[in-house]
Amino acid sequence: MSDLLKKIEREALELTQQERAFLADRLLSSLDGAALNDIDSAWIAEAERRYQEYKDGKKEGIPAQDVFDEADRILK
């Protein structure tokens, strides 16, 4: 890893969570569309698989508030 890349990484990790998310989105958006299409396709397939499990009664839903509470706990 170049010194410049190490410096950018170090500085990026000092950003707020919201700033890092924005930066990550900008960086991912700058990648070749084909690479993003593969990633998007994989996430869509995973979401569809999970939804089908839910519809088939194999998985129970989780209340949104529980999800948000858990996310807050993890991020703190």
Protein backbone atom coordinates (compact mmCIF):
# COMPACT_ATOMS: atom_id res chain seq x y z
CA MET A 1 0.00 0.00 0.00
CA SER A 2 1.41 3.38 -0.95
CA ASP A 3 2.08 6.05 1.63
CA LEU A 4 -0.59 8.25 0.06
CA LEU A 5 -3.19 5.49 0.32
CA LYS A 6 -2.24 4.85 3.96
CA LYS A 7 -2.63 8.58 4.69
CA ILE A 8 -6.03 8.73 2.96
CA GLU A 9 -7.20 5.64 4.86
CA ARG A 10 -6.04 7.05 8.19
CA GLU A 11 -7.80 10.36 7.53
CA ALA A 12 -10.96 8.68 6.22
CA LEU A 13 -11.24 6.64 9.42
CA GLU A 14 -11.28 9.90 11.39
CA LEU A 15 -14.44 11.06 9.58
CA THR A 16 -17.84 10.79 11.18
CA GLN A 17 -19.88 7.71 10.45
CA GLN A 18 -22.12 9.68 8.10
CA GLU A 19 -19.13 11.16 6.25
CA ARG A 20 -17.57 7.69 5.85
CA ALA A 21 -20.84 6.32 4.49
CA PHE A 22 -21.03 9.17 1.97
CA LEU A 23 -17.41 8.62 0.94
CA ALA A 24 -17.93 4.86 0.60
CA ASP A 25 -20.96 5.46 -1.60
CA ARG A 26 -19.01 7.88 -3.80
CA LEU A 27 -16.11 5.44 -4.14
CA LEU A 28 -18.36 2.51 -4.97
CA SER A 29 -20.25 4.64 -7.49
CA SER A 30 -16.97 5.41 -9.24
CA LEU A 31 -16.28 1.73 -9.96
CA ASP A 32 -16.95 0.06 -13.27
CA GLY A 33 -20.68 -0.49 -13.69
CA ALA A 34 -20.19 -4.19 -14.40
CA ALA A 35 -18.62 -4.75 -10.98
CA LEU A 36 -21.49 -2.96 -9.28
CA ASN A 37 -24.02 -4.92 -11.31
CA ASP A 38 -22.51 -8.17 -10.00
CA ILE A 39 -22.70 -6.90 -6.43
CA ASP A 40 -26.24 -5.59 -6.92
CA SER A 41 -27.31 -8.89 -8.49
CA ALA A 42 -25.88 -10.85 -5.57
CA TRP A 43 -27.72 -8.66 -3.02
CA ILE A 44 -30.97 -8.89 -4.96
CA ALA A 45 -30.68 -12.70 -5.08
CA GLU A 46 -29.99 -12.80 -1.33
CA ALA A 47 -32.92 -10.49 -0.56
CA GLU A 48 -35.24 -12.61 -2.71
CA ARG A 49 -34.02 -15.81 -1.02
CA ARG A 50 -34.63 -14.35 2.44
CA TYR A 51 -38.05 -13.02 1.45
CA GLN A 52 -39.06 -16.43 0.10
CA GLU A 53 -37.98 -18.06 3.38
CA TYR A 54 -40.16 -15.54 5.22
CA LYS A 55 -43.14 -16.19 2.92
CA ASP A 56 -42.70 -19.96 3.29
CA GLY A 57 -42.76 -19.60 7.08
CA LYS A 58 -39.16 -20.79 7.45
CA LYS A 59 -38.05 -17.48 9.02
CA GLU A 60 -39.95 -15.11 11.27
CA GLY A 61 -40.00 -11.37 10.75
CA ILE A 62 -38.14 -9.09 13.12
CA PRO A 63 -39.84 -5.89 14.33
CA ALA A 64 -38.15 -2.81 12.87
CA GLN A 65 -37.57 -1.31 16.31
CA ASP A 66 -35.63 -4.41 17.36
CA VAL A 67 -33.45 -4.09 14.26
CA PHE A 68 -32.81 -0.39 14.92
CA ASP A 69 -32.04 -1.03 18.59
CA GLU A 70 -29.55 -3.76 17.68
CA ALA A 71 -27.91 -1.54 15.05
CA ASP A 72 -27.56 1.25 17.62
CA ARG A 73 -26.05 -1.19 20.13
CA ILE A 74 -23.51 -2.46 17.59
CA LEU A 75 -22.54 1.00 16.37
CA LYS A 76 -21.95 2.43 19.84
